[in-house]
Amino acid sequence: MRSTSWIRFTVVLAARGVVATVFGMLFWAAAPMLIGWHSTTVMTGSMEPSLHVGDVVVSKPVDPRDLHRGQVLLFDDPDHAGVLRLHRFDALHGDGTLTTKGDANPHADSTPITRSAVEGVGYLRVPLVGTPITWAAAGDTASLTGLGAAVLAVTLLAVTPAVSGSHPSTAPAIRRARHRARRRRPRVSTAVAVTAVCVAGALALPAPAAAAAFTATTPSATSTLATATALPVSALTCATNSDGTVSIGWGYAGTAPERFTVLVDGQEVAQRPADARSTTVGSWDLFTWRTSTVSIRTDLTSTWTATSTESVRVVTVRFLGFGRTSCAP
């Protein structure tokens, strides 16, 4: 096979892989709605780094009695009628109401919610497939047009035969011309149809979820100075949950910090309030197989911190969105 044939084969195969990946991501973003689950698009950065703008989160309905701290909840926004919010379960109050918080927000949400307001619990994250939704909401027609053109170009490549036909000398020129003319029309039509399905699916299927924006207020500093030392947490524990996540617990006896930060392989993944002594760790990726080390950092202030010398190891295995995170032996 000549070098040009190899290049053609490689390009066409890569284009088919891209199309298959896009269809697969659209499937996992939309198919769960057929069984009553919710697919929502993350519209703001309040849940970073756990969730990014343009991600689609699939939430499954749960019994309100099964809700627990650390879960990412999809619920009716108490501050904006008819809007959904996607934030983490932060605290439970004595009257049965819940306080939620965006992982990237410095403070918890101001309005508590009831358990009945929860539509579902985040179960699967499909990365970036909802980006066209954010572009459409922002009126970014240039990006949408560019996306449509790119999808059409890749699809045209994908429906092109990976291996060229017989050598020109094996048939009369007029016969080859007629054969190409007959095949070109359905090939282009197929590409246009596939492109339309991809763009329509990306725009229409995952409804927006308004993960609330960053808090606009900042507390003023107190005028009293006191000497304090950031102490690391101790006695880390790990328990595997039935929903495919793990619960990490710890003890702390030092000065009340601003927050505790959960580190997975040294990267910040969540923040917990000063009174927290546990957190939930899981994964929503479509494909992953890894062993991670979880530690807890005490943030007395943004610069005065202490990371635990102890850590726990967790194993995450997921294929096509199915799998679990469990405590490593």
Protein backbone atom coordinates (compact mmCIF):
# COMPACT_ATOMS: atom_id res chain seq x y z
CA MET A 1 0.00 0.00 0.00
CA ARG A 2 1.41 3.38 -1.00
CA SER A 3 2.06 6.11 1.59
CA THR A 4 -0.93 8.15 0.37
CA SER A 5 -3.15 5.12 0.88
CA TRP A 6 -1.88 4.73 4.43
CA ILE A 7 -2.53 8.40 5.13
CA ARG A 8 -6.05 8.10 3.75
CA PHE A 9 -6.71 4.97 5.78
CA THR A 10 -5.43 6.60 9.01
CA VAL A 11 -7.38 9.84 8.53
CA VAL A 12 -10.65 8.06 7.73
CA LEU A 13 -10.23 5.69 10.66
CA ALA A 14 -9.52 8.62 13.03
CA ALA A 15 -12.61 10.48 11.74
CA ARG A 16 -14.78 7.41 12.35
CA GLY A 17 -13.38 7.18 15.86
CA VAL A 18 -14.28 10.82 16.52
CA VAL A 19 -17.83 10.34 15.21
CA ALA A 20 -18.26 7.17 17.26
CA THR A 21 -17.00 8.96 20.39
CA VAL A 22 -19.40 11.88 19.87
CA PHE A 23 -22.33 9.54 19.37
CA GLY A 24 -21.32 7.54 22.44
CA MET A 25 -21.13 10.65 24.61
CA LEU A 26 -24.49 11.90 23.32
CA PHE A 27 -25.97 8.48 24.05
CA TRP A 28 -24.78 8.47 27.66
CA ALA A 29 -25.93 12.07 28.10
CA ALA A 30 -29.43 11.41 26.74
CA ALA A 31 -30.34 7.71 27.11
CA PRO A 32 -30.78 7.80 30.93
CA MET A 33 -33.72 10.19 30.45
CA LEU A 34 -35.66 7.28 28.94
CA ILE A 35 -35.72 5.61 32.37
CA GLY A 36 -36.66 8.76 34.27
CA TRP A 37 -33.20 10.08 35.14
CA HIS A 38 -32.16 13.71 34.59
CA SER A 39 -29.48 14.99 32.20
CA THR A 40 -28.38 18.56 32.91
CA THR A 41 -25.67 20.85 31.58
CA VAL A 42 -23.34 22.67 33.98
CA MET A 43 -23.61 26.38 33.17
CA THR A 44 -21.23 27.99 35.69
CA GLY A 45 -17.93 27.20 37.40
CA SER A 46 -19.26 27.00 40.95
CA MET A 47 -18.61 23.23 41.15
CA GLU A 48 -15.05 23.26 39.80
CA PRO A 49 -12.84 21.29 39.83
CA SER A 50 -15.36 18.46 40.24
CA LEU A 51 -17.56 19.73 37.39
CA HIS A 52 -16.66 22.07 34.54
CA VAL A 53 -18.77 24.39 32.43
CA GLY A 54 -20.21 22.35 29.54
CA ASP A 55 -20.18 19.01 31.35
CA VAL A 56 -23.41 17.03 31.32
CA VAL A 57 -24.33 15.45 34.65
CA VAL A 58 -26.71 12.51 34.75
CA SER A 59 -28.65 12.41 38.03
CA LYS A 60 -30.67 9.45 39.22
CA PRO A 61 -33.77 9.79 41.44
CA VAL A 62 -33.26 8.59 45.01
CA ASP A 63 -35.36 8.17 48.12
CA PRO A 64 -35.09 11.44 50.10
CA ARG A 65 -34.20 9.37 53.18
CA ASP A 66 -31.07 8.09 51.41
CA LEU A 67 -29.49 11.52 50.95
CA HIS A 68 -26.25 12.10 52.83
CA ARG A 69 -23.57 14.75 53.06
CA GLY A 70 -21.09 14.95 50.24
CA GLN A 71 -23.48 13.97 47.46
CA VAL A 72 -23.96 16.27 44.47
CA LEU A 73 -27.67 17.11 44.39
CA LEU A 74 -29.87 18.32 41.56
CA PHE A 75 -32.66 20.36 43.12
CA ASP A 76 -35.13 23.17 42.53
CA ASP A 77 -33.33 26.47 43.03
CA PRO A 78 -34.97 28.10 46.08
CA ASP A 79 -33.91 31.56 44.87
CA HIS A 80 -35.08 31.29 41.24
CA ALA A 81 -38.41 29.65 40.41
CA GLY A 82 -38.31 27.12 37.58
CA VAL A 83 -34.50 26.80 37.66
CA LEU A 84 -32.46 23.76 38.68
CA ARG A 85 -29.29 24.00 40.75
CA LEU A 86 -26.48 21.45 41.00
CA HIS A 87 -24.55 21.73 44.28
CA ARG A 88 -23.12 19.48 46.96
CA PHE A 89 -24.99 18.45 50.11
CA ASP A 90 -23.09 20.41 52.76
CA ALA A 91 -24.99 20.22 56.07
CA LEU A 92 -28.15 18.84 57.66
CA HIS A 93 -30.16 21.01 60.08
CA GLY A 94 -32.25 19.99 63.05
CA ASP A 95 -35.48 20.88 61.26
CA GLY A 96 -34.65 18.44 58.45
CA THR A 97 -33.63 21.04 55.87
CA LEU A 98 -30.37 20.83 53.93
CA THR A 99 -27.66 23.38 53.20
CA THR A 100 -25.87 23.06 49.88
CA LYS A 101 -22.63 24.57 48.58
CA GLY A 102 -20.70 24.85 45.33
CA ASP A 103 -17.23 23.34 45.67
CA ALA A 104 -15.64 26.53 44.30
CA ASN A 105 -17.77 28.93 46.33
CA PRO A 106 -16.29 30.36 49.53
CA HIS A 107 -19.61 30.12 51.40
CA ALA A 108 -22.59 27.79 51.54
CA ASP A 109 -25.81 28.69 49.75
CA SER A 110 -27.85 31.18 51.75
CA THR A 111 -31.23 29.42 51.40
CA PRO A 112 -31.69 25.89 52.76
CA ILE A 113 -33.80 23.35 50.88
CA THR A 114 -36.09 20.49 51.84
CA ARG A 115 -35.43 16.89 50.91
CA SER A 116 -38.51 16.92 48.68
CA ALA A 117 -36.91 19.63 46.50
CA VAL A 118 -34.15 17.22 45.41
CA GLU A 119 -34.71 15.88 41.89
CA GLY A 120 -31.78 13.47 41.90
CA VAL A 121 -28.21 12.68 42.89
CA GLY A 122 -25.32 13.07 40.45
CA TYR A 123 -24.30 9.68 39.09
CA LEU A 124 -22.42 10.17 35.79
CA ARG A 125 -20.40 13.04 34.29
CA VAL A 126 -20.12 13.25 30.49
CA PRO A 127 -17.35 15.81 29.89
CA LEU A 128 -17.92 18.88 27.71
CA VAL A 129 -20.72 17.40 25.60
CA GLY A 130 -23.04 20.20 26.73
CA THR A 131 -20.70 22.97 25.59
CA PRO A 132 -23.02 23.92 22.66
CA ILE A 133 -25.72 24.60 25.28
CA THR A 134 -23.48 27.17 26.97
CA TRP A 135 -22.62 28.74 23.62
CA ALA A 136 -26.29 28.97 22.68
CA ALA A 137 -27.15 30.55 26.04
CA ALA A 138 -24.39 33.12 25.53
CA GLY A 139 -25.44 33.81 21.94
CA ASP A 140 -22.06 32.65 20.61
CA THR A 141 -23.17 31.90 17.05
CA ALA A 142 -19.60 31.95 15.73
CA SER A 143 -18.59 29.00 17.93
CA LEU A 144 -21.79 27.12 17.05
CA THR A 145 -21.20 27.66 13.34
CA GLY A 146 -17.60 26.53 13.66
CA LEU A 147 -18.72 23.42 15.53
CA GLY A 148 -21.26 22.55 12.85
CA ALA A 149 -18.66 22.97 10.12
CA ALA A 150 -16.13 20.84 12.00
CA VAL A 151 -18.65 18.07 12.62
CA LEU A 152 -19.68 18.10 8.95
CA ALA A 153 -16.04 17.92 7.82
CA VAL A 154 -15.22 15.04 10.16
CA THR A 155 -18.40 13.19 9.16
CA LEU A 156 -17.58 13.56 5.46
CA LEU A 157 -14.22 11.97 6.17
CA ALA A 158 -15.86 9.22 8.25
CA VAL A 159 -18.19 8.12 5.41
CA THR A 160 -15.35 8.11 2.88
CA PRO A 161 -14.11 4.59 2.02
CA ALA A 162 -10.91 3.91 3.94
CA VAL A 163 -9.39 2.05 0.98
CA SER A 164 -9.65 3.35 -2.58
CA GLY A 165 -11.33 1.25 -5.25
CA SER A 166 -9.76 -0.64 -8.11
CA HIS A 167 -6.99 0.84 -10.24
CA PRO A 168 -8.14 3.17 -13.04
CA SER A 169 -6.86 0.83 -15.75
CA THR A 170 -9.35 -1.89 -14.81
CA ALA A 171 -12.45 -0.05 -16.13
CA PRO A 172 -13.34 2.54 -18.73
CA ALA A 173 -13.15 6.14 -17.57
CA ILE A 174 -16.83 6.83 -18.19
CA ARG A 175 -17.87 3.86 -16.07
CA ARG A 176 -15.74 5.05 -13.18
CA ALA A 177 -17.17 8.55 -13.46
CA ARG A 178 -20.74 7.27 -13.31
CA HIS A 179 -19.91 5.03 -10.37
CA ARG A 180 -18.41 7.94 -8.41
CA ALA A 181 -21.40 10.14 -9.22
CA ARG A 182 -23.82 7.53 -7.91
CA ARG A 183 -21.87 7.12 -4.63
CA ARG A 184 -21.10 10.77 -3.94
CA ARG A 185 -24.70 11.90 -3.50
CA PRO A 186 -25.71 9.44 -0.75
CA ARG A 187 -22.34 9.91 0.95
CA VAL A 188 -22.82 13.68 1.27
CA SER A 189 -26.44 13.21 2.32
CA THR A 190 -25.34 10.78 5.01
CA ALA A 191 -22.72 13.21 6.29
CA VAL A 192 -25.22 16.06 6.44
CA ALA A 193 -27.74 13.86 8.27
CA VAL A 194 -25.16 12.67 10.82
CA THR A 195 -24.00 16.25 11.40
CA ALA A 196 -27.56 17.43 11.96
CA VAL A 197 -28.19 14.63 14.46
CA CYS A 198 -24.98 15.42 16.40
CA VAL A 199 -25.63 19.16 16.58
CA ALA A 200 -29.33 18.74 17.39
CA GLY A 201 -28.51 16.19 20.05
CA ALA A 202 -25.90 18.41 21.65
CA LEU A 203 -28.26 21.39 21.65
CA ALA A 204 -31.56 19.79 22.58
CA LEU A 205 -31.00 16.86 24.93
CA PRO A 206 -29.15 17.99 28.09
CA ALA A 207 -31.20 20.75 29.75
CA PRO A 208 -29.28 23.49 31.58
CA ALA A 209 -28.67 23.26 35.31
CA ALA A 210 -27.79 26.56 36.91
CA ALA A 211 -25.02 25.61 39.27
CA ALA A 212 -25.17 28.86 41.21
CA ALA A 213 -22.59 31.49 40.50
CA PHE A 214 -19.84 32.52 42.87
CA THR A 215 -20.88 34.33 46.03
CA ALA A 216 -20.75 38.10 45.59
CA THR A 217 -19.98 39.01 49.21
CA THR A 218 -16.76 38.66 51.17
CA PRO A 219 -16.68 38.75 54.96
CA SER A 220 -14.62 41.56 56.46
CA ALA A 221 -11.57 40.72 58.53
CA THR A 222 -11.85 40.98 62.29
CA SER A 223 -9.80 43.51 64.19
CA THR A 224 -8.58 41.00 66.75
CA LEU A 225 -5.34 39.14 66.10
CA ALA A 226 -4.69 35.81 67.72
CA THR A 227 -1.89 33.28 67.46
CA ALA A 228 -2.99 29.93 66.06
CA THR A 229 -1.31 26.91 64.51
CA ALA A 230 -2.67 24.90 61.63
CA LEU A 231 -2.71 21.27 62.76
CA PRO A 232 -3.10 18.28 60.44
CA VAL A 233 -6.10 16.01 60.85
CA SER A 234 -5.61 12.53 62.25
CA ALA A 235 -7.16 9.07 62.32
CA LEU A 236 -8.20 8.92 58.66
CA THR A 237 -10.69 6.16 57.89
CA CYS A 238 -12.21 4.81 54.69
CA ALA A 239 -15.58 3.07 54.21
CA THR A 240 -17.02 1.80 50.92
CA ASN A 241 -20.61 2.91 50.26
CA SER A 242 -23.30 0.98 48.42
CA ASP A 243 -23.70 3.73 45.80
CA GLY A 244 -20.20 3.27 44.40
CA THR A 245 -18.47 5.98 46.44
CA VAL A 246 -16.31 5.94 49.57
CA SER A 247 -16.63 7.92 52.79
CA ILE A 248 -13.41 9.36 54.22
CA GLY A 249 -13.48 10.28 57.92
CA TRP A 250 -10.97 12.07 60.13
CA GLY A 251 -10.42 13.56 63.57
CA TYR A 252 -9.34 17.10 64.44
CA ALA A 253 -8.59 18.77 67.76
CA GLY A 254 -7.00 22.09 66.76
CA THR A 255 -8.25 25.62 66.27
CA ALA A 256 -11.35 25.75 64.07
CA PRO A 257 -10.11 26.29 60.47
CA GLU A 258 -11.79 28.11 57.63
CA ARG A 259 -12.30 24.76 55.91
CA PHE A 260 -10.87 21.34 55.19
CA THR A 261 -9.70 20.60 51.64
CA VAL A 262 -9.88 17.09 50.19
CA LEU A 263 -6.81 16.17 48.13
CA VAL A 264 -6.77 13.27 45.67
CA ASP A 265 -3.25 12.54 44.44
CA GLY A 266 -2.29 16.01 45.65
CA GLN A 267 -5.04 17.77 43.67
CA GLU A 268 -7.90 19.70 45.33
CA VAL A 269 -11.23 18.02 44.58
CA ALA A 270 -13.57 19.35 47.29
CA GLN A 271 -13.81 21.64 50.29
CA ARG A 272 -15.58 20.85 53.55
CA PRO A 273 -16.71 23.25 56.30
CA ALA A 274 -14.90 23.68 59.61
CA ASP A 275 -17.28 21.35 61.49
CA ALA A 276 -17.00 18.53 58.93
CA ARG A 277 -15.32 15.29 59.89
CA SER A 278 -16.07 13.28 56.74
CA THR A 279 -16.39 13.56 52.98
CA THR A 280 -17.52 11.43 50.06
CA VAL A 281 -15.19 10.60 47.18
CA GLY A 282 -16.24 9.06 43.86
CA SER A 283 -15.82 9.36 40.11
CA TRP A 284 -18.22 10.15 37.26
CA ASP A 285 -15.82 9.53 34.40
CA LEU A 286 -16.87 7.27 31.54
CA PHE A 287 -13.60 5.34 31.52
CA THR A 288 -11.06 5.11 34.32
CA TRP A 289 -9.00 2.56 36.19
CA ARG A 290 -6.70 3.98 38.81
CA THR A 291 -5.56 3.83 42.42
CA SER A 292 -5.54 7.20 44.18
CA THR A 293 -4.25 8.55 47.47
CA VAL A 294 -6.63 10.72 49.49
CA SER A 295 -5.43 13.15 52.16
CA ILE A 296 -7.01 16.06 54.00
CA ARG A 297 -5.56 19.56 54.29
CA THR A 298 -6.44 21.87 57.18
CA ASP A 299 -6.88 25.43 55.92
CA LEU A 300 -6.65 27.71 58.92
CA THR A 301 -6.48 30.55 56.37
CA SER A 302 -5.83 30.53 52.63
CA THR A 303 -2.07 30.51 53.28
CA TRP A 304 -1.88 28.91 56.75
CA THR A 305 -2.37 25.23 56.05
CA ALA A 306 -1.31 21.76 57.18
CA THR A 307 -1.72 18.56 55.17
CA SER A 308 -2.31 15.29 56.98
CA THR A 309 0.64 12.93 57.19
CA GLU A 310 -1.84 10.07 57.08
CA SER A 311 -3.68 9.12 53.89
CA VAL A 312 -5.99 6.44 52.55
CA ARG A 313 -5.92 4.71 49.16
CA VAL A 314 -8.99 4.19 46.97
CA VAL A 315 -9.46 2.25 43.74
CA THR A 316 -11.74 3.51 40.96
CA VAL A 317 -12.83 1.30 38.08
CA ARG A 318 -15.38 2.60 35.55
CA PHE A 319 -16.22 1.45 32.02
CA LEU A 320 -18.86 3.24 29.94
CA GLY A 321 -20.01 5.00 33.07
CA PHE A 322 -20.51 1.81 35.14
CA GLY A 323 -18.28 0.87 38.05
CA ARG A 324 -17.41 2.03 41.52
CA THR A 325 -14.86 3.55 43.85
CA SER A 326 -13.82 1.39 46.79
CA CYS A 327 -11.28 1.48 49.61
CA ALA A 328 -8.00 -0.17 48.71
CA PRO A 329 -6.90 -2.99 51.02
